[in-house]
Amino acid sequence: MFAMKLANSVSDDIGSSESEDCDTCDETTIKQIFNLKCETVISKTINKNNYVLYLDGSLNSTPNVAVGLSNNTVDVYNFSNNQLAKLETFEASENVVGVKSCKENENIFYIGSKDCQIEVVDLRDGKCKSQFKDTTIRDACNYKPLNCFDISSNGLLLCGGTNLYDGDAYILFWDVRKANLLGAYWESHTDDITQVTFHPEDPNKLISGSTDGLINLLDISNATEDDALLDSFNTESSVERLSWFIEENKDAMACITHTSDLQVWKLDDVQPYAHFRKEEIRKDLKRRLEGYCYIASMQVNNNNALLALVGSNYGNGECLRSFG
């Protein structure tokens, strides 16, 4: 495991007099509860004025890891022999909104930026190979602000979600082979789209999340947006992050909200079958103060089970633990 500084904010309600966060039990108990089996192999310090906002990497024996930073750049590192070596730095045209690795080629990465551009860059020559843009707007100074993007499991489609633009939030689709815009949906969400996530095996299945509180399940093989919308799930919150996983041999979804709750949904349910609120997460994390607790990310392990990475950003933010 390698460590990098993650961007997280401290809640405004944390006062100065009683603001010290700490574990609620001793270190021996912590090790027993979390059964610590991992250790830091190498840590890398990024420029202290920047935050790591996005991480993604290839899964080969010597993976390349792309790191999206708060200064609108993306650094790519190679991890081998327990060492991290920087290979390249790419500059985004605007704020970075995501980085994705190409499953078919470890040298290719996708970089999304706020000005509705997704660039395909190649480590072998450090250049941009192609660009995906919203060609419906010809004014370069006027664009639908891109907020997130993803790549289909077969690598043929790019999908991006935008903030509200002229009263609508858009899900845009591009053909990777031709770099042209195929079309868009704009009636499924009523506020900024924060996540679009393709199914890991079915390139036609997509879930989207928004600050309007909805998670929409879409089958993009259908001809129209109305037909594509299979179901809608109301989180009664604001969606920050989504993930697919398998529960009882069926597709399921997990959602992190902007209030650091974790909801887990089955596709045929009208309510989440599990809902972990921030106070419950604090107790499970064995920390004293709720306001510093956050969910860093969700991952699916080799058994398709869901793991949540949870931490406290008190002090240097050294508390980071996983829940399964």
C-alpha atoms as a PDB file:
ATOM      1  CA  MET A   1       0.000   0.000   0.000  1.00  0.00           C
ATOM      2  CA  PHE A   2       1.298   3.481  -0.754  1.00  0.00           C
ATOM      3  CA  ALA A   3       0.004   6.608   0.993  1.00  0.00           C
ATOM      4  CA  MET A   4      -0.816  10.026  -0.414  1.00  0.00           C
ATOM      5  CA  LYS A   5      -2.500  13.087   1.066  1.00  0.00           C
ATOM      6  CA  LEU A   6      -6.266  13.060   0.513  1.00  0.00           C
ATOM      7  CA  ALA A   7      -8.471  16.167   0.299  1.00  0.00           C
ATOM      8  CA  ASN A   8     -11.023  16.401   3.074  1.00  0.00           C
ATOM      9  CA  SER A   9     -12.554  19.309   4.934  1.00  0.00           C
ATOM     10  CA  VAL A  10     -13.207  19.700   8.646  1.00  0.00           C
ATOM     11  CA  SER A  11     -16.812  20.364   9.662  1.00  0.00           C
ATOM     12  CA  ASP A  12     -17.522  23.934  10.709  1.00  0.00           C
ATOM     13  CA  ASP A  13     -19.162  22.824  13.940  1.00  0.00           C
ATOM     14  CA  ILE A  14     -15.864  21.595  15.413  1.00  0.00           C
ATOM     15  CA  GLY A  15     -14.896  24.067  18.141  1.00  0.00           C
ATOM     16  CA  SER A  16     -11.400  24.868  19.350  1.00  0.00           C
ATOM     17  CA  SER A  17     -11.800  23.995  23.035  1.00  0.00           C
ATOM     18  CA  GLU A  18     -13.163  20.451  22.727  1.00  0.00           C
ATOM     19  CA  SER A  19     -11.987  19.584  19.260  1.00  0.00           C
ATOM     20  CA  GLU A  20      -9.370  16.909  19.913  1.00  0.00           C
ATOM     21  CA  ASP A  21     -10.278  13.661  18.204  1.00  0.00           C
ATOM     22  CA  CYS A  22      -8.800  10.333  19.293  1.00  0.00           C
ATOM     23  CA  ASP A  23      -9.533   6.620  19.448  1.00  0.00           C
ATOM     24  CA  THR A  24     -12.093   5.492  21.995  1.00  0.00           C
ATOM     25  CA  CYS A  25     -10.123   2.341  22.885  1.00  0.00           C
ATOM     26  CA  ASP A  26      -6.488   1.332  23.212  1.00  0.00           C
ATOM     27  CA  GLU A  27      -4.184   0.387  20.337  1.00  0.00           C
ATOM     28  CA  THR A  28      -4.281  -3.330  21.149  1.00  0.00           C
ATOM     29  CA  THR A  29      -8.074  -3.352  20.867  1.00  0.00           C
ATOM     30  CA  ILE A  30      -7.910  -1.375  17.607  1.00  0.00           C
ATOM     31  CA  LYS A  31      -5.577  -3.987  16.120  1.00  0.00           C
ATOM     32  CA  GLN A  32      -7.866  -6.794  17.258  1.00  0.00           C
ATOM     33  CA  ILE A  33     -10.977  -5.141  15.817  1.00  0.00           C
ATOM     34  CA  PHE A  34      -9.505  -4.192  12.455  1.00  0.00           C
ATOM     35  CA  ASN A  35      -7.160  -7.170  12.190  1.00  0.00           C
ATOM     36  CA  LEU A  36      -4.432  -5.085  10.631  1.00  0.00           C
ATOM     37  CA  LYS A  37      -2.628  -7.110   7.950  1.00  0.00           C
ATOM     38  CA  CYS A  38      -1.250  -4.348   5.751  1.00  0.00           C
ATOM     39  CA  GLU A  39       1.643  -1.985   6.149  1.00  0.00           C
ATOM     40  CA  THR A  40       2.911   1.002   4.246  1.00  0.00           C
ATOM     41  CA  VAL A  41       5.466  -0.114   1.671  1.00  0.00           C
ATOM     42  CA  ILE A  42       6.230   3.351   0.348  1.00  0.00           C
ATOM     43  CA  SER A  43       4.763   6.796   0.876  1.00  0.00           C
ATOM     44  CA  LYS A  44       5.085   9.730  -1.487  1.00  0.00           C
ATOM     45  CA  THR A  45       4.766  13.374  -0.535  1.00  0.00           C
ATOM     46  CA  ILE A  46       3.037  15.571  -3.082  1.00  0.00           C
ATOM     47  CA  ASN A  47       3.605  19.338  -3.153  1.00  0.00           C
ATOM     48  CA  LYS A  48       2.239  20.432   0.214  1.00  0.00           C
ATOM     49  CA  ASN A  49       0.095  23.125  -1.391  1.00  0.00           C
ATOM     50  CA  ASN A  50      -1.854  20.521  -3.357  1.00  0.00           C
ATOM     51  CA  TYR A  51      -4.357  17.795  -2.591  1.00  0.00           C
ATOM     52  CA  VAL A  52      -4.850  14.426  -4.221  1.00  0.00           C
ATOM     53  CA  LEU A  53      -8.389  14.515  -5.601  1.00  0.00           C
ATOM     54  CA  TYR A  54      -8.463  11.424  -7.847  1.00  0.00           C
ATOM     55  CA  LEU A  55      -6.535   8.161  -8.153  1.00  0.00           C
ATOM     56  CA  ASP A  56      -6.707   5.411 -10.731  1.00  0.00           C
ATOM     57  CA  GLY A  57      -4.295   2.859 -12.084  1.00  0.00           C
ATOM     58  CA  SER A  58      -3.660  -0.159 -14.254  1.00  0.00           C
ATOM     59  CA  LEU A  59      -3.806  -3.625 -12.693  1.00  0.00           C
ATOM     60  CA  ASN A  60      -0.755  -5.270 -14.235  1.00  0.00           C
ATOM     61  CA  SER A  61       2.223  -6.589 -12.261  1.00  0.00           C
ATOM     62  CA  THR A  62       3.962  -3.179 -12.286  1.00  0.00           C
ATOM     63  CA  PRO A  63       1.042  -0.749 -12.267  1.00  0.00           C
ATOM     64  CA  ASN A  64       1.016   2.839 -13.411  1.00  0.00           C
ATOM     65  CA  VAL A  65      -0.977   5.139 -11.132  1.00  0.00           C
ATOM     66  CA  ALA A  66      -2.509   8.467 -12.204  1.00  0.00           C
ATOM     67  CA  VAL A  67      -2.962  11.123  -9.528  1.00  0.00           C
ATOM     68  CA  GLY A  68      -5.306  14.065 -10.178  1.00  0.00           C
ATOM     69  CA  LEU A  69      -4.203  17.095  -8.158  1.00  0.00           C
ATOM     70  CA  SER A  70      -5.864  20.289  -6.998  1.00  0.00           C
ATOM     71  CA  ASN A  71      -3.506  22.424  -9.131  1.00  0.00           C
ATOM     72  CA  ASN A  72      -5.106  21.140 -12.364  1.00  0.00           C
ATOM     73  CA  THR A  73      -2.324  18.660 -13.136  1.00  0.00           C
ATOM     74  CA  VAL A  74      -2.154  14.866 -13.275  1.00  0.00           C
ATOM     75  CA  ASP A  75       1.011  13.070 -12.189  1.00  0.00           C
ATOM     76  CA  VAL A  76       1.563   9.479 -13.313  1.00  0.00           C
ATOM     77  CA  TYR A  77       3.750   7.148 -11.252  1.00  0.00           C
ATOM     78  CA  ASN A  78       5.054   3.653 -11.840  1.00  0.00           C
ATOM     79  CA  PHE A  79       4.983   1.347  -8.822  1.00  0.00           C
ATOM     80  CA  SER A  80       7.595  -1.400  -8.954  1.00  0.00           C
ATOM     81  CA  ASN A  81      10.127  -2.907  -6.530  1.00  0.00           C
ATOM     82  CA  ASN A  82       8.351  -1.086  -3.700  1.00  0.00           C
ATOM     83  CA  GLN A  83       9.206   2.247  -5.272  1.00  0.00           C
ATOM     84  CA  LEU A  84       7.124   5.028  -6.798  1.00  0.00           C
ATOM     85  CA  ALA A  85       8.767   6.716  -9.785  1.00  0.00           C
ATOM     86  CA  LYS A  86       7.142   9.691 -11.481  1.00  0.00           C
ATOM     87  CA  LEU A  87       6.794   9.086 -15.220  1.00  0.00           C
ATOM     88  CA  GLU A  88       4.952  12.132 -16.519  1.00  0.00           C
ATOM     89  CA  THR A  89       2.957  15.224 -15.586  1.00  0.00           C
ATOM     90  CA  PHE A  90      -0.012  16.304 -17.692  1.00  0.00           C
ATOM     91  CA  GLU A  91      -1.728  19.682 -17.427  1.00  0.00           C
ATOM     92  CA  ALA A  92      -5.515  19.799 -17.666  1.00  0.00           C
ATOM     93  CA  SER A  93      -7.185  22.702 -19.441  1.00  0.00           C
ATOM     94  CA  GLU A  94      -9.333  23.377 -16.343  1.00  0.00           C
ATOM     95  CA  ASN A  95     -10.022  21.866 -12.912  1.00  0.00           C
ATOM     96  CA  VAL A  96      -9.489  18.087 -12.994  1.00  0.00           C
ATOM     97  CA  VAL A  97     -12.787  16.206 -12.457  1.00  0.00           C
ATOM     98  CA  GLY A  98     -11.463  12.658 -12.839  1.00  0.00           C
ATOM     99  CA  VAL A  99      -8.726  10.338 -14.100  1.00  0.00           C
ATOM    100  CA  LYS A 100      -9.283   6.860 -15.554  1.00  0.00           C
ATOM    101  CA  SER A 101      -6.907   4.185 -16.744  1.00  0.00           C
ATOM    102  CA  CYS A 102      -7.389   2.282 -19.991  1.00  0.00           C
ATOM    103  CA  LYS A 103      -7.988  -1.402 -19.266  1.00  0.00           C
ATOM    104  CA  GLU A 104      -6.525  -2.457 -22.609  1.00  0.00           C
ATOM    105  CA  ASN A 105      -3.337  -0.368 -22.460  1.00  0.00           C
ATOM    106  CA  GLU A 106      -1.431   0.526 -19.287  1.00  0.00           C
ATOM    107  CA  ASN A 107       0.136   3.550 -21.012  1.00  0.00           C
ATOM    108  CA  ILE A 108      -3.181   5.256 -21.789  1.00  0.00           C
ATOM    109  CA  PHE A 109      -5.093   7.466 -19.351  1.00  0.00           C
ATOM    110  CA  TYR A 110      -8.211   9.623 -19.622  1.00  0.00           C
ATOM    111  CA  ILE A 111      -8.225  13.039 -17.951  1.00  0.00           C
ATOM    112  CA  GLY A 112     -11.493  14.933 -17.498  1.00  0.00           C
ATOM    113  CA  SER A 113     -11.601  18.677 -16.858  1.00  0.00           C
ATOM    114  CA  LYS A 114     -14.301  21.107 -15.807  1.00  0.00           C
ATOM    115  CA  ASP A 115     -14.534  22.768 -19.238  1.00  0.00           C
ATOM    116  CA  CYS A 116     -16.189  19.632 -20.641  1.00  0.00           C
ATOM    117  CA  GLN A 117     -13.078  18.129 -22.172  1.00  0.00           C
ATOM    118  CA  ILE A 118     -11.798  14.586 -21.730  1.00  0.00           C
ATOM    119  CA  GLU A 119      -8.280  14.058 -23.031  1.00  0.00           C
ATOM    120  CA  VAL A 120      -6.649  10.740 -23.884  1.00  0.00           C
ATOM    121  CA  VAL A 121      -2.935  10.883 -23.013  1.00  0.00           C
ATOM    122  CA  ASP A 122      -0.147   8.406 -23.757  1.00  0.00           C
ATOM    123  CA  LEU A 123       2.783   7.884 -21.388  1.00  0.00           C
ATOM    124  CA  ARG A 124       5.033   6.690 -24.199  1.00  0.00           C
ATOM    125  CA  ASP A 125       5.370  10.160 -25.701  1.00  0.00           C
ATOM    126  CA  GLY A 126       3.692  12.340 -23.069  1.00  0.00           C
ATOM    127  CA  LYS A 127       1.174  13.683 -25.561  1.00  0.00           C
ATOM    128  CA  CYS A 128      -2.579  14.027 -25.907  1.00  0.00           C
ATOM    129  CA  LYS A 129      -3.838  11.533 -28.484  1.00  0.00           C
ATOM    130  CA  SER A 130      -7.449  12.659 -28.761  1.00  0.00           C
ATOM    131  CA  GLN A 131     -10.037  14.940 -27.158  1.00  0.00           C
ATOM    132  CA  PHE A 132     -13.702  14.490 -26.397  1.00  0.00           C
ATOM    133  CA  LYS A 133     -15.727  17.694 -26.248  1.00  0.00           C
ATOM    134  CA  ASP A 134     -19.302  18.880 -26.163  1.00  0.00           C
ATOM    135  CA  THR A 135     -19.630  19.976 -29.794  1.00  0.00           C
ATOM    136  CA  THR A 136     -23.184  21.288 -29.327  1.00  0.00           C
ATOM    137  CA  ILE A 137     -21.740  24.560 -28.008  1.00  0.00           C
ATOM    138  CA  ARG A 138     -19.386  26.365 -30.363  1.00  0.00           C
ATOM    139  CA  ASP A 139     -18.415  29.213 -28.019  1.00  0.00           C
ATOM    140  CA  ALA A 140     -15.153  28.132 -26.331  1.00  0.00           C
ATOM    141  CA  CYS A 141     -15.863  30.379 -23.343  1.00  0.00           C
ATOM    142  CA  ASN A 142     -19.277  28.824 -22.789  1.00  0.00           C
ATOM    143  CA  TYR A 143     -19.602  25.148 -21.891  1.00  0.00           C
ATOM    144  CA  LYS A 144     -21.556  22.639 -19.851  1.00  0.00           C
ATOM    145  CA  PRO A 145     -19.392  22.211 -16.709  1.00  0.00           C
ATOM    146  CA  LEU A 146     -18.263  18.574 -16.577  1.00  0.00           C
ATOM    147  CA  ASN A 147     -18.408  17.061 -13.107  1.00  0.00           C
ATOM    148  CA  CYS A 148     -17.612  13.338 -13.626  1.00  0.00           C
ATOM    149  CA  PHE A 149     -17.047  10.697 -16.306  1.00  0.00           C
ATOM    150  CA  ASP A 150     -16.609   6.954 -16.810  1.00  0.00           C
ATOM    151  CA  ILE A 151     -15.674   4.409 -19.492  1.00  0.00           C
ATOM    152  CA  SER A 152     -17.826   1.410 -20.434  1.00  0.00           C
ATOM    153  CA  SER A 153     -16.555  -2.090 -19.677  1.00  0.00           C
ATOM    154  CA  ASN A 154     -15.862  -2.781 -23.369  1.00  0.00           C
ATOM    155  CA  GLY A 155     -13.922   0.491 -23.683  1.00  0.00           C
ATOM    156  CA  LEU A 156     -16.100   1.808 -26.521  1.00  0.00           C
ATOM    157  CA  LEU A 157     -18.148   4.502 -24.767  1.00  0.00           C
ATOM    158  CA  LEU A 158     -17.285   7.517 -22.682  1.00  0.00           C
ATOM    159  CA  CYS A 159     -19.983   9.024 -20.504  1.00  0.00           C
ATOM    160  CA  GLY A 160     -19.842  12.361 -18.689  1.00  0.00           C
ATOM    161  CA  GLY A 161     -22.142  14.059 -16.190  1.00  0.00           C
ATOM    162  CA  THR A 162     -22.475  17.844 -15.997  1.00  0.00           C
ATOM    163  CA  ASN A 163     -23.561  20.479 -13.541  1.00  0.00           C
ATOM    164  CA  LEU A 164     -26.738  22.395 -14.290  1.00  0.00           C
ATOM    165  CA  TYR A 165     -26.509  24.314 -17.553  1.00  0.00           C
ATOM    166  CA  ASP A 166     -29.395  26.494 -18.676  1.00  0.00           C
ATOM    167  CA  GLY A 167     -31.667  24.676 -16.217  1.00  0.00           C
ATOM    168  CA  ASP A 168     -30.704  21.127 -17.280  1.00  0.00           C
ATOM    169  CA  ALA A 169     -28.109  18.594 -16.106  1.00  0.00           C
ATOM    170  CA  TYR A 170     -26.680  16.500 -18.949  1.00  0.00           C
ATOM    171  CA  ILE A 171     -25.368  12.967 -19.334  1.00  0.00           C
ATOM    172  CA  LEU A 172     -23.166  13.089 -22.446  1.00  0.00           C
ATOM    173  CA  PHE A 173     -22.008  10.100 -24.531  1.00  0.00           C
ATOM    174  CA  TRP A 174     -18.986   9.828 -26.839  1.00  0.00           C
ATOM    175  CA  ASP A 175     -17.780   7.088 -29.191  1.00  0.00           C
ATOM    176  CA  VAL A 176     -14.177   6.342 -28.168  1.00  0.00           C
ATOM    177  CA  ARG A 177     -13.221   5.139 -31.645  1.00  0.00           C
ATOM    178  CA  LYS A 178     -14.351   8.309 -33.431  1.00  0.00           C
ATOM    179  CA  ALA A 179     -14.083  10.864 -30.592  1.00  0.00           C
ATOM    180  CA  ASN A 180     -17.461  12.278 -31.574  1.00  0.00           C
ATOM    181  CA  LEU A 181     -20.434  13.162 -29.395  1.00  0.00           C
ATOM    182  CA  LEU A 182     -23.214  10.598 -29.837  1.00  0.00           C
ATOM    183  CA  GLY A 183     -25.923  12.375 -27.862  1.00  0.00           C
ATOM    184  CA  ALA A 184     -27.113  13.235 -24.377  1.00  0.00           C
ATOM    185  CA  TYR A 185     -29.804  12.742 -21.722  1.00  0.00           C
ATOM    186  CA  TRP A 186     -31.046  15.810 -19.861  1.00  0.00           C
ATOM    187  CA  GLU A 187     -34.404  14.914 -18.293  1.00  0.00           C
ATOM    188  CA  SER A 188     -33.394  12.307 -15.679  1.00  0.00           C
ATOM    189  CA  HIS A 189     -31.880  14.671 -13.102  1.00  0.00           C
ATOM    190  CA  THR A 190     -32.883  18.141 -11.892  1.00  0.00           C
ATOM    191  CA  ASP A 191     -29.564  19.174 -10.314  1.00  0.00           C
ATOM    192  CA  ASP A 192     -25.807  18.703 -10.735  1.00  0.00           C
ATOM    193  CA  ILE A 193     -24.793  15.177 -11.746  1.00  0.00           C
ATOM    194  CA  THR A 194     -22.034  14.019  -9.418  1.00  0.00           C
ATOM    195  CA  GLN A 195     -21.460  10.436 -10.605  1.00  0.00           C
ATOM    196  CA  VAL A 196     -21.867   8.294 -13.715  1.00  0.00           C
ATOM    197  CA  THR A 197     -20.735   4.685 -13.291  1.00  0.00           C
ATOM    198  CA  PHE A 198     -20.901   1.921 -15.897  1.00  0.00           C
ATOM    199  CA  HIS A 199     -21.637  -1.638 -14.850  1.00  0.00           C
ATOM    200  CA  PRO A 200     -18.311  -3.547 -14.586  1.00  0.00           C
ATOM    201  CA  GLU A 201     -19.438  -6.191 -17.111  1.00  0.00           C
ATOM    202  CA  ASP A 202     -22.505  -4.896 -18.989  1.00  0.00           C
ATOM    203  CA  PRO A 203     -21.553  -1.887 -21.181  1.00  0.00           C
ATOM    204  CA  ASN A 204     -25.230  -0.907 -21.565  1.00  0.00           C
ATOM    205  CA  LYS A 205     -25.966  -0.547 -17.842  1.00  0.00           C
ATOM    206  CA  LEU A 206     -25.242   2.765 -16.148  1.00  0.00           C
ATOM    207  CA  ILE A 207     -26.059   4.369 -12.814  1.00  0.00           C
ATOM    208  CA  SER A 208     -26.026   8.119 -12.319  1.00  0.00           C
ATOM    209  CA  GLY A 209     -26.211  10.155  -9.131  1.00  0.00           C
ATOM    210  CA  SER A 210     -26.969  13.784  -8.439  1.00  0.00           C
ATOM    211  CA  THR A 211     -27.322  16.439  -5.779  1.00  0.00           C
ATOM    212  CA  ASP A 212     -31.060  16.094  -6.437  1.00  0.00           C
ATOM    213  CA  GLY A 213     -30.808  12.944  -4.289  1.00  0.00           C
ATOM    214  CA  LEU A 214     -31.631  10.461  -7.045  1.00  0.00           C
ATOM    215  CA  ILE A 215     -29.745   7.419  -8.284  1.00  0.00           C
ATOM    216  CA  ASN A 216     -30.957   6.516 -11.770  1.00  0.00           C
ATOM    217  CA  LEU A 217     -30.531   3.073 -13.319  1.00  0.00           C
ATOM    218  CA  LEU A 218     -30.207   3.301 -17.105  1.00  0.00           C
ATOM    219  CA  ASP A 219     -30.066   0.870 -20.011  1.00  0.00           C
ATOM    220  CA  ILE A 220     -28.481   2.936 -22.765  1.00  0.00           C
ATOM    221  CA  SER A 221     -29.169   0.305 -25.432  1.00  0.00           C
ATOM    222  CA  ASN A 222     -32.733   1.675 -25.604  1.00  0.00           C
ATOM    223  CA  ALA A 223     -33.498   4.319 -28.184  1.00  0.00           C
ATOM    224  CA  THR A 224     -34.765   7.166 -25.992  1.00  0.00           C
ATOM    225  CA  GLU A 225     -34.042   8.554 -22.539  1.00  0.00           C
ATOM    226  CA  ASP A 226     -37.539   7.625 -21.345  1.00  0.00           C
ATOM    227  CA  ASP A 227     -36.992   3.998 -22.360  1.00  0.00           C
ATOM    228  CA  ALA A 228     -33.433   3.985 -21.004  1.00  0.00           C
ATOM    229  CA  LEU A 229     -34.535   4.965 -17.475  1.00  0.00           C
ATOM    230  CA  LEU A 230     -35.250   1.629 -15.809  1.00  0.00           C
ATOM    231  CA  ASP A 231     -35.593   2.801 -12.223  1.00  0.00           C
ATOM    232  CA  SER A 232     -34.949   5.705  -9.879  1.00  0.00           C
ATOM    233  CA  PHE A 233     -33.862   5.464  -6.230  1.00  0.00           C
ATOM    234  CA  ASN A 234     -34.372   8.340  -3.796  1.00  0.00           C
ATOM    235  CA  THR A 235     -31.527   8.643  -1.288  1.00  0.00           C
ATOM    236  CA  GLU A 236     -33.243  11.625   0.418  1.00  0.00           C
ATOM    237  CA  SER A 237     -29.775  13.165   0.494  1.00  0.00           C
ATOM    238  CA  SER A 238     -27.133  14.248  -2.027  1.00  0.00           C
ATOM    239  CA  VAL A 239     -25.125  11.656  -3.959  1.00  0.00           C
ATOM    240  CA  GLU A 240     -21.345  11.987  -3.803  1.00  0.00           C
ATOM    241  CA  ARG A 241     -20.113   8.608  -5.043  1.00  0.00           C
ATOM    242  CA  LEU A 242     -21.553   5.380  -6.474  1.00  0.00           C
ATOM    243  CA  SER A 243     -20.278   1.852  -6.881  1.00  0.00           C
ATOM    244  CA  TRP A 244     -21.552  -1.442  -8.282  1.00  0.00           C
ATOM    245  CA  PHE A 245     -21.021  -4.686  -6.394  1.00  0.00           C
ATOM    246  CA  ILE A 246     -22.603  -8.143  -6.002  1.00  0.00           C
ATOM    247  CA  GLU A 247     -24.958  -9.070  -3.149  1.00  0.00           C
ATOM    248  CA  GLU A 248     -26.473 -12.570  -3.006  1.00  0.00           C
ATOM    249  CA  ASN A 249     -25.386 -13.177  -6.627  1.00  0.00           C
ATOM    250  CA  LYS A 250     -27.297 -10.112  -7.827  1.00  0.00           C
ATOM    251  CA  ASP A 251     -26.272  -6.618  -8.853  1.00  0.00           C
ATOM    252  CA  ALA A 252     -26.350  -4.077  -6.046  1.00  0.00           C
ATOM    253  CA  MET A 253     -25.288  -0.453  -5.564  1.00  0.00           C
ATOM    254  CA  ALA A 254     -23.548   1.481  -2.830  1.00  0.00           C
ATOM    255  CA  CYS A 255     -23.824   5.233  -2.388  1.00  0.00           C
ATOM    256  CA  ILE A 256     -21.750   7.659  -0.339  1.00  0.00           C
ATOM    257  CA  THR A 257     -23.691  10.846   0.357  1.00  0.00           C
ATOM    258  CA  HIS A 258     -22.292  14.324   0.817  1.00  0.00           C
ATOM    259  CA  THR A 259     -23.070  13.987   4.540  1.00  0.00           C
ATOM    260  CA  SER A 260     -20.758  10.912   4.747  1.00  0.00           C
ATOM    261  CA  ASP A 261     -23.539   8.365   5.084  1.00  0.00           C
ATOM    262  CA  LEU A 262     -23.255   5.012   3.315  1.00  0.00           C
ATOM    263  CA  GLN A 263     -26.355   3.522   1.701  1.00  0.00           C
ATOM    264  CA  VAL A 264     -26.538   0.056   0.135  1.00  0.00           C
ATOM    265  CA  TRP A 265     -29.287  -0.767  -2.377  1.00  0.00           C
ATOM    266  CA  LYS A 266     -30.615  -3.829  -4.144  1.00  0.00           C
ATOM    267  CA  LEU A 267     -31.984  -3.047  -7.593  1.00  0.00           C
ATOM    268  CA  ASP A 268     -35.484  -4.342  -6.802  1.00  0.00           C
ATOM    269  CA  ASP A 269     -35.909  -2.443  -3.516  1.00  0.00           C
ATOM    270  CA  VAL A 270     -37.530   0.943  -2.884  1.00  0.00           C
ATOM    271  CA  GLN A 271     -35.329   1.669   0.132  1.00  0.00           C
ATOM    272  CA  PRO A 272     -31.696   0.901   0.968  1.00  0.00           C
ATOM    273  CA  TYR A 273     -31.380  -2.441   2.745  1.00  0.00           C
ATOM    274  CA  ALA A 274     -28.502  -0.987   4.775  1.00  0.00           C
ATOM    275  CA  HIS A 275     -27.921   2.611   5.834  1.00  0.00           C
ATOM    276  CA  PHE A 276     -24.833   3.544   7.859  1.00  0.00           C
ATOM    277  CA  ARG A 277     -25.125   7.069   9.183  1.00  0.00           C
ATOM    278  CA  LYS A 278     -22.147   9.191  10.103  1.00  0.00           C
ATOM    279  CA  GLU A 279     -22.620   8.709  13.853  1.00  0.00           C
ATOM    280  CA  GLU A 280     -22.727   4.924  13.410  1.00  0.00           C
ATOM    281  CA  ILE A 281     -19.602   5.103  11.250  1.00  0.00           C
ATOM    282  CA  ARG A 282     -17.828   7.107  13.986  1.00  0.00           C
ATOM    283  CA  LYS A 283     -18.646   4.416  16.529  1.00  0.00           C
ATOM    284  CA  ASP A 284     -17.456   1.624  14.242  1.00  0.00           C
ATOM    285  CA  LEU A 285     -14.316   3.628  13.457  1.00  0.00           C
ATOM    286  CA  LYS A 286     -13.711   3.872  17.231  1.00  0.00           C
ATOM    287  CA  ARG A 287     -13.242   7.641  17.150  1.00  0.00           C
ATOM    288  CA  ARG A 288     -14.477  10.260  19.595  1.00  0.00           C
ATOM    289  CA  LEU A 289     -15.728  13.082  17.335  1.00  0.00           C
ATOM    290  CA  GLU A 290     -18.216  12.630  14.509  1.00  0.00           C
ATOM    291  CA  GLY A 291     -17.360  15.872  12.738  1.00  0.00           C
ATOM    292  CA  TYR A 292     -13.936  14.684  11.613  1.00  0.00           C
ATOM    293  CA  CYS A 293     -15.135  11.329  10.252  1.00  0.00           C
ATOM    294  CA  TYR A 294     -15.448  10.799   6.509  1.00  0.00           C
ATOM    295  CA  ILE A 295     -15.683   8.014   3.940  1.00  0.00           C
ATOM    296  CA  ALA A 296     -12.640   8.196   1.664  1.00  0.00           C
ATOM    297  CA  SER A 297     -13.791   5.677  -0.934  1.00  0.00           C
ATOM    298  CA  MET A 298     -15.465   2.367  -1.717  1.00  0.00           C
ATOM    299  CA  GLN A 299     -13.774  -0.592  -3.356  1.00  0.00           C
ATOM    300  CA  VAL A 300     -14.936  -4.005  -4.546  1.00  0.00           C
ATOM    301  CA  ASN A 301     -12.568  -6.865  -3.674  1.00  0.00           C
ATOM    302  CA  ASN A 302     -11.840 -10.016  -5.695  1.00  0.00           C
ATOM    303  CA  ASN A 303     -14.947 -11.674  -4.252  1.00  0.00           C
ATOM    304  CA  ASN A 304     -17.176  -8.786  -5.422  1.00  0.00           C
ATOM    305  CA  ALA A 305     -17.720  -7.762  -1.799  1.00  0.00           C
ATOM    306  CA  LEU A 306     -17.889  -4.100  -0.870  1.00  0.00           C
ATOM    307  CA  LEU A 307     -15.193  -2.464   1.242  1.00  0.00           C
ATOM    308  CA  ALA A 308     -15.426   1.084   2.595  1.00  0.00           C
ATOM    309  CA  LEU A 309     -12.325   3.092   3.462  1.00  0.00           C
ATOM    310  CA  VAL A 310     -13.174   5.343   6.409  1.00  0.00           C
ATOM    311  CA  GLY A 311     -11.050   7.814   8.315  1.00  0.00           C
ATOM    312  CA  SER A 312     -10.756  10.829  10.580  1.00  0.00           C
ATOM    313  CA  ASN A 313      -9.130  13.967   9.185  1.00  0.00           C
ATOM    314  CA  TYR A 314      -8.178  15.260  12.602  1.00  0.00           C
ATOM    315  CA  GLY A 315      -4.572  16.496  12.783  1.00  0.00           C
ATOM    316  CA  ASN A 316      -2.515  14.884  10.027  1.00  0.00           C
ATOM    317  CA  GLY A 317      -5.372  12.575   9.029  1.00  0.00           C
ATOM    318  CA  GLU A 318      -3.433   9.440   9.911  1.00  0.00           C
ATOM    319  CA  CYS A 319      -6.516   7.441  10.933  1.00  0.00           C
ATOM    320  CA  LEU A 320      -7.687   5.381   7.932  1.00  0.00           C
ATOM    321  CA  ARG A 321      -9.479   2.045   8.373  1.00  0.00           C
ATOM    322  CA  SER A 322     -11.469  -0.319   6.163  1.00  0.00           C
ATOM    323  CA  PHE A 323     -14.872  -1.906   6.749  1.00  0.00           C
ATOM    324  CA  GLY A 324     -16.305  -4.879   4.898  1.00  0.00           C
END
